[in-house]
Amino acid sequence: MQSIEKWRNLDLRKKTDDEIDSELSEFLNSLKVYPVSRTSKSFFELWRVRKFNYLFKDISEFWEPPSSLAPMGRCNAKGSPVLYVSEELNTPFEELNIGFGEQFYAIKYECLENLNLKNIVPKEFESKDQDGNFLYNKESMLSYQILREFVRSEFLKPVGKGTEYLHRISASMCRVWFQGDDSDGWSYPSVQSPLEKNIAIKPISAKSKLKIVDVRIARLVPKDAVINHKDKFVEHPFYSIAKVAIETDFIGKLSDNTINWVPSNDLGWVY
């Protein structure tokens, strides 16, 4: 608690990335022991949504941005890009605040190999061994819970205009606390959808372990506003629980490094 109090008394707004990394390293040294949760998992599908600001003509647009254009993010410093994806399709819609009728790019990835990830704010904590014996006493469990909530509060702070520096803190935690050459990236809860997970994947791992399987330009449409494909929508297996349809305008046909956009009226994605 003393280490946490000292950290929270620091004015991190004016510090550089290196200075924040140094302060966080000192914080971890004062703890002596701190948990880092890991997972190795293959995902059936991963999603990314980007707003439609211009027409993409190169497949590189669907991967992480080039270093020269990479902004500071929750898991990365400026100029050090990662690929941000979500486990659920609806998560990026919440984060980007996509409105009805607004065109966007939807990118679907397939996992070719297991992703080795560091869990930031893990959902579950294994407190027993394989024989059912407790691994920690009450004091140790309390320490773990305090640190877990500290990470949650520091890493998942909402970032807006004027508070962009908060990304320096979360990115530093990835570099210093949850770092490791043996990992492909980080898994963490979405700020806007806390029950859903985002994943930040290192560029080398993304290119070697993921495959782009579907890209399209589409729009969100209210369920009751679907007119052109009403019969098809009613037959959809999720129709009874769906509130929103995703109506496709164009599907991208990928060839080498280029994209050929083909008109479409697909109504296959709903949530």
C-alpha atoms as a PDB file:
ATOM      1  CA  MET A   1       0.000   0.000   0.000  1.00  0.00           C
ATOM      2  CA  GLN A   2       2.922   2.337   0.691  1.00  0.00           C
ATOM      3  CA  SER A   3       4.345   1.600  -2.765  1.00  0.00           C
ATOM      4  CA  ILE A   4       0.975   2.313  -4.373  1.00  0.00           C
ATOM      5  CA  GLU A   5       0.583   5.547  -2.407  1.00  0.00           C
ATOM      6  CA  LYS A   6       4.032   6.725  -3.522  1.00  0.00           C
ATOM      7  CA  TRP A   7       3.205   5.928  -7.153  1.00  0.00           C
ATOM      8  CA  ARG A   8      -0.059   7.853  -7.017  1.00  0.00           C
ATOM      9  CA  ASN A   9       1.679  10.913  -5.596  1.00  0.00           C
ATOM     10  CA  LEU A  10       3.868  11.164  -8.693  1.00  0.00           C
ATOM     11  CA  ASP A  11       3.005  13.784 -11.311  1.00  0.00           C
ATOM     12  CA  LEU A  12       3.139  11.549 -14.365  1.00  0.00           C
ATOM     13  CA  ARG A  13       1.679  14.112 -16.761  1.00  0.00           C
ATOM     14  CA  LYS A  14       5.011  15.802 -17.451  1.00  0.00           C
ATOM     15  CA  LYS A  15       7.281  12.751 -17.451  1.00  0.00           C
ATOM     16  CA  THR A  16       8.765  11.133 -20.548  1.00  0.00           C
ATOM     17  CA  ASP A  17       8.281   7.462 -21.438  1.00  0.00           C
ATOM     18  CA  ASP A  18      11.754   6.662 -20.077  1.00  0.00           C
ATOM     19  CA  GLU A  19      11.030   8.472 -16.806  1.00  0.00           C
ATOM     20  CA  ILE A  20       7.727   6.644 -16.338  1.00  0.00           C
ATOM     21  CA  ASP A  21       9.436   3.319 -17.112  1.00  0.00           C
ATOM     22  CA  SER A  22      12.054   4.122 -14.455  1.00  0.00           C
ATOM     23  CA  GLU A  23       9.417   5.023 -11.866  1.00  0.00           C
ATOM     24  CA  LEU A  24       7.469   1.840 -12.605  1.00  0.00           C
ATOM     25  CA  SER A  25      10.625  -0.280 -12.344  1.00  0.00           C
ATOM     26  CA  GLU A  26      11.290   1.268  -8.929  1.00  0.00           C
ATOM     27  CA  PHE A  27       7.695   0.539  -7.931  1.00  0.00           C
ATOM     28  CA  LEU A  28       8.066  -3.134  -8.913  1.00  0.00           C
ATOM     29  CA  ASN A  29      11.389  -3.409  -7.088  1.00  0.00           C
ATOM     30  CA  SER A  30       9.708  -2.146  -3.941  1.00  0.00           C
ATOM     31  CA  LEU A  31       7.086  -4.904  -4.241  1.00  0.00           C
ATOM     32  CA  LYS A  32       9.777  -7.613  -4.621  1.00  0.00           C
ATOM     33  CA  VAL A  33       7.113 -10.163  -5.714  1.00  0.00           C
ATOM     34  CA  TYR A  34       4.299  -9.420  -8.145  1.00  0.00           C
ATOM     35  CA  PRO A  35       2.072 -11.680 -10.277  1.00  0.00           C
ATOM     36  CA  VAL A  36       1.975 -11.874 -14.063  1.00  0.00           C
ATOM     37  CA  SER A  37      -0.690 -14.095 -15.620  1.00  0.00           C
ATOM     38  CA  ARG A  38      -0.066 -15.773 -18.989  1.00  0.00           C
ATOM     39  CA  THR A  39      -2.205 -17.620 -21.472  1.00  0.00           C
ATOM     40  CA  SER A  40      -1.606 -19.565 -24.685  1.00  0.00           C
ATOM     41  CA  LYS A  41      -4.712 -19.698 -26.815  1.00  0.00           C
ATOM     42  CA  SER A  42      -5.877 -20.045 -30.408  1.00  0.00           C
ATOM     43  CA  PHE A  43      -8.852 -17.880 -31.353  1.00  0.00           C
ATOM     44  CA  PHE A  44     -11.434 -19.006 -33.876  1.00  0.00           C
ATOM     45  CA  GLU A  45     -11.719 -15.416 -35.079  1.00  0.00           C
ATOM     46  CA  LEU A  46     -10.497 -11.952 -34.127  1.00  0.00           C
ATOM     47  CA  TRP A  47     -11.994  -8.654 -35.260  1.00  0.00           C
ATOM     48  CA  ARG A  48     -10.919  -5.141 -36.090  1.00  0.00           C
ATOM     49  CA  VAL A  49     -13.089  -2.196 -37.152  1.00  0.00           C
ATOM     50  CA  ARG A  50     -11.792   1.009 -38.731  1.00  0.00           C
ATOM     51  CA  LYS A  51     -13.784   4.081 -39.695  1.00  0.00           C
ATOM     52  CA  PHE A  52     -14.166   4.717 -43.413  1.00  0.00           C
ATOM     53  CA  ASN A  53     -12.158   7.902 -44.022  1.00  0.00           C
ATOM     54  CA  TYR A  54     -10.758   6.935 -47.430  1.00  0.00           C
ATOM     55  CA  LEU A  55     -10.712   3.888 -49.719  1.00  0.00           C
ATOM     56  CA  PHE A  56      -8.087   1.291 -48.767  1.00  0.00           C
ATOM     57  CA  LYS A  57      -6.178  -0.006 -51.779  1.00  0.00           C
ATOM     58  CA  ASP A  58      -3.345  -1.886 -50.068  1.00  0.00           C
ATOM     59  CA  ILE A  59      -3.567  -4.884 -47.715  1.00  0.00           C
ATOM     60  CA  SER A  60      -1.066  -3.213 -45.359  1.00  0.00           C
ATOM     61  CA  GLU A  61      -3.953  -0.969 -44.245  1.00  0.00           C
ATOM     62  CA  PHE A  62      -5.455  -3.959 -42.425  1.00  0.00           C
ATOM     63  CA  TRP A  63      -2.353  -4.578 -40.314  1.00  0.00           C
ATOM     64  CA  GLU A  64      -0.685  -2.310 -37.752  1.00  0.00           C
ATOM     65  CA  PRO A  65       0.182   1.225 -38.934  1.00  0.00           C
ATOM     66  CA  PRO A  66       3.731   2.040 -40.066  1.00  0.00           C
ATOM     67  CA  SER A  67       6.050   3.300 -37.325  1.00  0.00           C
ATOM     68  CA  SER A  68       6.071   6.810 -38.778  1.00  0.00           C
ATOM     69  CA  LEU A  69       2.285   7.079 -38.417  1.00  0.00           C
ATOM     70  CA  ALA A  70       1.705   5.023 -35.248  1.00  0.00           C
ATOM     71  CA  PRO A  71       0.037   7.126 -32.526  1.00  0.00           C
ATOM     72  CA  MET A  72       0.431   6.452 -28.819  1.00  0.00           C
ATOM     73  CA  GLY A  73      -2.042   3.787 -27.683  1.00  0.00           C
ATOM     74  CA  ARG A  74      -3.028   1.859 -24.597  1.00  0.00           C
ATOM     75  CA  CYS A  75      -0.287  -0.737 -25.156  1.00  0.00           C
ATOM     76  CA  ASN A  76       2.240   1.127 -27.284  1.00  0.00           C
ATOM     77  CA  ALA A  77       4.390   4.244 -27.364  1.00  0.00           C
ATOM     78  CA  LYS A  78       4.251   6.638 -30.313  1.00  0.00           C
ATOM     79  CA  GLY A  79       6.178   5.131 -33.212  1.00  0.00           C
ATOM     80  CA  SER A  80       6.037   1.581 -31.805  1.00  0.00           C
ATOM     81  CA  PRO A  81       2.871   0.105 -33.357  1.00  0.00           C
ATOM     82  CA  VAL A  82       0.945  -3.002 -32.372  1.00  0.00           C
ATOM     83  CA  LEU A  83      -2.120  -4.582 -33.977  1.00  0.00           C
ATOM     84  CA  TYR A  84      -5.248  -4.024 -31.865  1.00  0.00           C
ATOM     85  CA  VAL A  85      -7.993  -6.631 -32.300  1.00  0.00           C
ATOM     86  CA  SER A  86     -11.041  -7.773 -30.337  1.00  0.00           C
ATOM     87  CA  GLU A  87     -12.421 -11.174 -29.429  1.00  0.00           C
ATOM     88  CA  GLU A  88     -15.993 -10.030 -30.127  1.00  0.00           C
ATOM     89  CA  LEU A  89     -17.195  -8.041 -33.140  1.00  0.00           C
ATOM     90  CA  ASN A  90     -19.406  -5.705 -31.111  1.00  0.00           C
ATOM     91  CA  THR A  91     -16.504  -4.465 -28.933  1.00  0.00           C
ATOM     92  CA  PRO A  92     -14.865  -2.109 -31.481  1.00  0.00           C
ATOM     93  CA  PHE A  93     -18.271  -0.655 -32.381  1.00  0.00           C
ATOM     94  CA  GLU A  94     -18.644   0.449 -28.758  1.00  0.00           C
ATOM     95  CA  GLU A  95     -15.099   1.802 -28.623  1.00  0.00           C
ATOM     96  CA  LEU A  96     -15.323   3.740 -31.897  1.00  0.00           C
ATOM     97  CA  ASN A  97     -18.897   4.882 -31.251  1.00  0.00           C
ATOM     98  CA  ILE A  98     -20.020   3.811 -34.733  1.00  0.00           C
ATOM     99  CA  GLY A  99     -23.415   5.295 -35.599  1.00  0.00           C
ATOM    100  CA  PHE A 100     -26.214   3.953 -37.789  1.00  0.00           C
ATOM    101  CA  GLY A 101     -25.560   4.410 -41.496  1.00  0.00           C
ATOM    102  CA  GLU A 102     -21.878   5.259 -40.979  1.00  0.00           C
ATOM    103  CA  GLN A 103     -19.587   3.252 -43.227  1.00  0.00           C
ATOM    104  CA  PHE A 104     -16.708   1.343 -41.668  1.00  0.00           C
ATOM    105  CA  TYR A 105     -14.167  -1.342 -42.487  1.00  0.00           C
ATOM    106  CA  ALA A 106     -14.645  -4.707 -40.770  1.00  0.00           C
ATOM    107  CA  ILE A 107     -11.641  -7.030 -40.784  1.00  0.00           C
ATOM    108  CA  LYS A 108     -11.777 -10.664 -39.686  1.00  0.00           C
ATOM    109  CA  TYR A 109      -8.614 -12.587 -38.805  1.00  0.00           C
ATOM    110  CA  GLU A 110      -8.038 -16.298 -38.334  1.00  0.00           C
ATOM    111  CA  CYS A 111      -5.496 -17.618 -35.820  1.00  0.00           C
ATOM    112  CA  LEU A 112      -2.970 -19.960 -37.450  1.00  0.00           C
ATOM    113  CA  GLU A 113      -1.099 -20.683 -34.198  1.00  0.00           C
ATOM    114  CA  ASN A 114      -1.604 -20.181 -30.483  1.00  0.00           C
ATOM    115  CA  LEU A 115      -1.012 -16.644 -29.267  1.00  0.00           C
ATOM    116  CA  ASN A 116       1.139 -16.434 -26.141  1.00  0.00           C
ATOM    117  CA  LEU A 117      -0.268 -13.467 -24.244  1.00  0.00           C
ATOM    118  CA  LYS A 118       0.273 -11.650 -20.973  1.00  0.00           C
ATOM    119  CA  ASN A 119      -3.055 -11.146 -19.207  1.00  0.00           C
ATOM    120  CA  ILE A 120      -3.588  -7.650 -17.845  1.00  0.00           C
ATOM    121  CA  VAL A 121      -6.331  -7.795 -15.203  1.00  0.00           C
ATOM    122  CA  PRO A 122      -6.997 -11.545 -15.596  1.00  0.00           C
ATOM    123  CA  LYS A 123     -10.581 -12.635 -15.086  1.00  0.00           C
ATOM    124  CA  GLU A 124      -9.712 -15.625 -12.936  1.00  0.00           C
ATOM    125  CA  PHE A 125      -6.896 -16.432 -10.543  1.00  0.00           C
ATOM    126  CA  GLU A 126      -5.864 -20.006  -9.850  1.00  0.00           C
ATOM    127  CA  SER A 127      -5.682 -20.122  -6.046  1.00  0.00           C
ATOM    128  CA  LYS A 128      -5.450 -23.932  -5.791  1.00  0.00           C
ATOM    129  CA  ASP A 129      -3.052 -26.507  -7.182  1.00  0.00           C
ATOM    130  CA  GLN A 130      -4.118 -29.563  -9.198  1.00  0.00           C
ATOM    131  CA  ASP A 131      -4.872 -31.447  -5.967  1.00  0.00           C
ATOM    132  CA  GLY A 132      -7.183 -28.713  -4.674  1.00  0.00           C
ATOM    133  CA  ASN A 133      -4.766 -27.346  -2.061  1.00  0.00           C
ATOM    134  CA  PHE A 134      -4.674 -23.580  -1.518  1.00  0.00           C
ATOM    135  CA  LEU A 135      -1.501 -21.964  -2.844  1.00  0.00           C
ATOM    136  CA  TYR A 136      -1.705 -18.779  -0.785  1.00  0.00           C
ATOM    137  CA  ASN A 137      -2.792 -17.766   2.675  1.00  0.00           C
ATOM    138  CA  LYS A 138      -5.319 -14.981   3.318  1.00  0.00           C
ATOM    139  CA  GLU A 139      -2.671 -12.257   3.492  1.00  0.00           C
ATOM    140  CA  SER A 140      -1.135 -13.303   0.178  1.00  0.00           C
ATOM    141  CA  MET A 141      -4.531 -13.398  -1.525  1.00  0.00           C
ATOM    142  CA  LEU A 142      -5.325  -9.926  -0.181  1.00  0.00           C
ATOM    143  CA  SER A 143      -2.017  -8.624  -1.571  1.00  0.00           C
ATOM    144  CA  TYR A 144      -2.819 -10.142  -4.968  1.00  0.00           C
ATOM    145  CA  GLN A 145      -6.300  -8.587  -4.997  1.00  0.00           C
ATOM    146  CA  ILE A 146      -4.926  -5.153  -4.066  1.00  0.00           C
ATOM    147  CA  LEU A 147      -2.363  -5.311  -6.882  1.00  0.00           C
ATOM    148  CA  ARG A 148      -4.949  -6.591  -9.357  1.00  0.00           C
ATOM    149  CA  GLU A 149      -7.238  -3.641  -8.648  1.00  0.00           C
ATOM    150  CA  PHE A 150      -4.277  -1.245  -8.811  1.00  0.00           C
ATOM    151  CA  VAL A 151      -3.435  -2.535 -12.291  1.00  0.00           C
ATOM    152  CA  ARG A 152      -7.096  -2.295 -13.307  1.00  0.00           C
ATOM    153  CA  SER A 153      -7.419   1.318 -12.172  1.00  0.00           C
ATOM    154  CA  GLU A 154      -4.114   2.451 -13.706  1.00  0.00           C
ATOM    155  CA  PHE A 155      -4.292   0.540 -16.980  1.00  0.00           C
ATOM    156  CA  LEU A 156      -7.973   0.982 -17.841  1.00  0.00           C
ATOM    157  CA  LYS A 157      -8.423   4.700 -17.200  1.00  0.00           C
ATOM    158  CA  PRO A 158     -10.588   6.269 -19.937  1.00  0.00           C
ATOM    159  CA  VAL A 159      -8.484   8.469 -22.219  1.00  0.00           C
ATOM    160  CA  GLY A 160      -9.846  11.576 -23.900  1.00  0.00           C
ATOM    161  CA  LYS A 161      -8.826  15.018 -25.030  1.00  0.00           C
ATOM    162  CA  GLY A 162      -6.407  16.439 -22.482  1.00  0.00           C
ATOM    163  CA  THR A 163      -5.683  13.110 -20.808  1.00  0.00           C
ATOM    164  CA  GLU A 164      -3.725  11.419 -23.603  1.00  0.00           C
ATOM    165  CA  TYR A 165      -0.761  11.092 -21.228  1.00  0.00           C
ATOM    166  CA  LEU A 166      -2.610   8.261 -19.475  1.00  0.00           C
ATOM    167  CA  HIS A 167      -1.638   6.040 -22.410  1.00  0.00           C
ATOM    168  CA  ARG A 168       1.974   6.575 -21.351  1.00  0.00           C
ATOM    169  CA  ILE A 169       1.161   4.794 -18.087  1.00  0.00           C
ATOM    170  CA  SER A 170      -0.622   1.784 -19.583  1.00  0.00           C
ATOM    171  CA  ALA A 171       2.000   1.419 -22.333  1.00  0.00           C
ATOM    172  CA  SER A 172       4.738   1.531 -19.690  1.00  0.00           C
ATOM    173  CA  MET A 173       3.008  -1.263 -17.787  1.00  0.00           C
ATOM    174  CA  CYS A 174       3.156  -3.386 -20.960  1.00  0.00           C
ATOM    175  CA  ARG A 175       6.854  -2.643 -21.442  1.00  0.00           C
ATOM    176  CA  VAL A 176       7.979  -2.976 -17.815  1.00  0.00           C
ATOM    177  CA  TRP A 177       5.491  -5.031 -15.786  1.00  0.00           C
ATOM    178  CA  PHE A 178       4.000  -7.308 -18.455  1.00  0.00           C
ATOM    179  CA  GLN A 179       6.963  -7.374 -20.825  1.00  0.00           C
ATOM    180  CA  GLY A 180       8.649 -10.425 -22.264  1.00  0.00           C
ATOM    181  CA  ASP A 181      10.243 -11.533 -25.510  1.00  0.00           C
ATOM    182  CA  ASP A 182       8.437 -14.858 -25.067  1.00  0.00           C
ATOM    183  CA  SER A 183       4.995 -13.298 -25.528  1.00  0.00           C
ATOM    184  CA  ASP A 184       3.096 -12.262 -28.661  1.00  0.00           C
ATOM    185  CA  GLY A 185       1.293  -9.406 -26.947  1.00  0.00           C
ATOM    186  CA  TRP A 186      -1.245  -8.515 -24.268  1.00  0.00           C
ATOM    187  CA  SER A 187      -4.870  -9.339 -23.464  1.00  0.00           C
ATOM    188  CA  TYR A 188      -6.909  -6.794 -21.506  1.00  0.00           C
ATOM    189  CA  PRO A 189     -10.542  -5.782 -20.849  1.00  0.00           C
ATOM    190  CA  SER A 190     -12.154  -3.192 -23.076  1.00  0.00           C
ATOM    191  CA  VAL A 191     -12.729   0.124 -21.290  1.00  0.00           C
ATOM    192  CA  GLN A 192     -16.100   0.640 -23.006  1.00  0.00           C
ATOM    193  CA  SER A 193     -17.134  -3.035 -22.748  1.00  0.00           C
ATOM    194  CA  PRO A 194     -15.470  -4.355 -19.560  1.00  0.00           C
ATOM    195  CA  LEU A 195     -16.786  -7.893 -20.017  1.00  0.00           C
ATOM    196  CA  GLU A 196     -15.116  -8.180 -23.432  1.00  0.00           C
ATOM    197  CA  LYS A 197     -11.404  -8.559 -24.235  1.00  0.00           C
ATOM    198  CA  ASN A 198      -9.075  -6.717 -26.561  1.00  0.00           C
ATOM    199  CA  ILE A 199      -5.705  -8.017 -27.693  1.00  0.00           C
ATOM    200  CA  ALA A 200      -2.645  -5.986 -28.684  1.00  0.00           C
ATOM    201  CA  ILE A 201      -0.348  -8.137 -30.846  1.00  0.00           C
ATOM    202  CA  LYS A 202       3.270  -7.412 -31.689  1.00  0.00           C
ATOM    203  CA  PRO A 203       3.721  -6.862 -35.460  1.00  0.00           C
ATOM    204  CA  ILE A 204       6.011  -9.864 -36.050  1.00  0.00           C
ATOM    205  CA  SER A 205       3.576 -12.183 -34.249  1.00  0.00           C
ATOM    206  CA  ALA A 206       0.554 -10.720 -36.050  1.00  0.00           C
ATOM    207  CA  LYS A 207       2.047 -11.320 -39.496  1.00  0.00           C
ATOM    208  CA  SER A 208       3.221 -14.865 -38.664  1.00  0.00           C
ATOM    209  CA  LYS A 209       0.266 -16.114 -36.588  1.00  0.00           C
ATOM    210  CA  LEU A 210      -2.766 -14.366 -38.090  1.00  0.00           C
ATOM    211  CA  LYS A 211      -4.390 -14.543 -41.506  1.00  0.00           C
ATOM    212  CA  ILE A 212      -6.861 -12.029 -42.933  1.00  0.00           C
ATOM    213  CA  VAL A 213      -9.911 -14.024 -44.043  1.00  0.00           C
ATOM    214  CA  ASP A 214     -12.564 -11.355 -44.644  1.00  0.00           C
ATOM    215  CA  VAL A 215     -12.635  -7.591 -45.236  1.00  0.00           C
ATOM    216  CA  ARG A 216     -15.660  -5.501 -46.070  1.00  0.00           C
ATOM    217  CA  ILE A 217     -17.124  -2.015 -46.102  1.00  0.00           C
ATOM    218  CA  ALA A 218     -20.388  -2.071 -44.192  1.00  0.00           C
ATOM    219  CA  ARG A 219     -22.929  -0.109 -42.151  1.00  0.00           C
ATOM    220  CA  LEU A 220     -24.867  -0.675 -38.943  1.00  0.00           C
ATOM    221  CA  VAL A 221     -28.607  -0.784 -39.584  1.00  0.00           C
ATOM    222  CA  PRO A 222     -31.431  -0.953 -36.976  1.00  0.00           C
ATOM    223  CA  LYS A 223     -33.102  -4.339 -37.004  1.00  0.00           C
ATOM    224  CA  ASP A 224     -36.497  -2.883 -37.912  1.00  0.00           C
ATOM    225  CA  ALA A 225     -34.998  -0.807 -40.741  1.00  0.00           C
ATOM    226  CA  VAL A 226     -33.839  -3.764 -42.813  1.00  0.00           C
ATOM    227  CA  ILE A 227     -36.015  -3.549 -45.915  1.00  0.00           C
ATOM    228  CA  ASN A 228     -34.093  -4.930 -48.890  1.00  0.00           C
ATOM    229  CA  HIS A 229     -33.307  -8.235 -47.182  1.00  0.00           C
ATOM    230  CA  LYS A 230     -36.151  -8.622 -44.709  1.00  0.00           C
ATOM    231  CA  ASP A 231     -36.860 -12.261 -45.560  1.00  0.00           C
ATOM    232  CA  LYS A 232     -33.192 -13.222 -45.369  1.00  0.00           C
ATOM    233  CA  PHE A 233     -32.771 -11.435 -42.045  1.00  0.00           C
ATOM    234  CA  VAL A 234     -35.786 -13.155 -40.474  1.00  0.00           C
ATOM    235  CA  GLU A 235     -34.273 -16.517 -41.393  1.00  0.00           C
ATOM    236  CA  HIS A 236     -30.974 -15.659 -39.726  1.00  0.00           C
ATOM    237  CA  PRO A 237     -30.369 -17.901 -36.658  1.00  0.00           C
ATOM    238  CA  PHE A 238     -29.766 -14.866 -34.400  1.00  0.00           C
ATOM    239  CA  TYR A 239     -32.764 -12.867 -35.601  1.00  0.00           C
ATOM    240  CA  SER A 240     -34.777 -13.303 -32.398  1.00  0.00           C
ATOM    241  CA  ILE A 241     -32.041 -11.825 -30.187  1.00  0.00           C
ATOM    242  CA  ALA A 242     -30.515  -9.354 -32.652  1.00  0.00           C
ATOM    243  CA  LYS A 243     -30.972  -5.612 -32.272  1.00  0.00           C
ATOM    244  CA  VAL A 244     -28.647  -4.424 -35.017  1.00  0.00           C
ATOM    245  CA  ALA A 245     -27.814  -5.696 -38.497  1.00  0.00           C
ATOM    246  CA  ILE A 246     -24.559  -5.142 -40.351  1.00  0.00           C
ATOM    247  CA  GLU A 247     -25.331  -4.490 -44.003  1.00  0.00           C
ATOM    248  CA  THR A 248     -22.398  -4.929 -46.376  1.00  0.00           C
ATOM    249  CA  ASP A 249     -21.794  -2.518 -49.279  1.00  0.00           C
ATOM    250  CA  PHE A 250     -18.523  -3.980 -50.615  1.00  0.00           C
ATOM    251  CA  ILE A 251     -16.447  -7.108 -49.991  1.00  0.00           C
ATOM    252  CA  GLY A 252     -12.697  -6.931 -50.512  1.00  0.00           C
ATOM    253  CA  LYS A 253     -11.076  -9.521 -52.763  1.00  0.00           C
ATOM    254  CA  LEU A 254      -7.433  -9.811 -51.730  1.00  0.00           C
ATOM    255  CA  SER A 255      -4.747 -10.534 -54.320  1.00  0.00           C
ATOM    256  CA  ASP A 256      -1.061 -10.257 -53.454  1.00  0.00           C
ATOM    257  CA  ASN A 257      -0.933  -6.851 -51.750  1.00  0.00           C
ATOM    258  CA  THR A 258      -3.901  -5.230 -53.454  1.00  0.00           C
ATOM    259  CA  ILE A 259      -7.652  -5.114 -52.808  1.00  0.00           C
ATOM    260  CA  ASN A 260     -10.428  -5.293 -55.367  1.00  0.00           C
ATOM    261  CA  TRP A 261     -13.720  -4.026 -53.920  1.00  0.00           C
ATOM    262  CA  VAL A 262     -16.807  -5.899 -55.195  1.00  0.00           C
ATOM    263  CA  PRO A 263     -20.377  -4.612 -54.546  1.00  0.00           C
ATOM    264  CA  SER A 264     -22.360  -6.730 -52.091  1.00  0.00           C
ATOM    265  CA  ASN A 265     -25.704  -6.777 -50.310  1.00  0.00           C
ATOM    266  CA  ASP A 266     -24.731  -9.371 -47.704  1.00  0.00           C
ATOM    267  CA  LEU A 267     -26.563  -9.257 -44.384  1.00  0.00           C
ATOM    268  CA  GLY A 268     -24.638 -11.979 -42.619  1.00  0.00           C
ATOM    269  CA  TRP A 269     -23.426 -10.242 -39.462  1.00  0.00           C
ATOM    270  CA  VAL A 270     -25.763  -9.231 -36.671  1.00  0.00           C
ATOM    271  CA  TYR A 271     -25.461  -8.490 -32.953  1.00  0.00           C
END
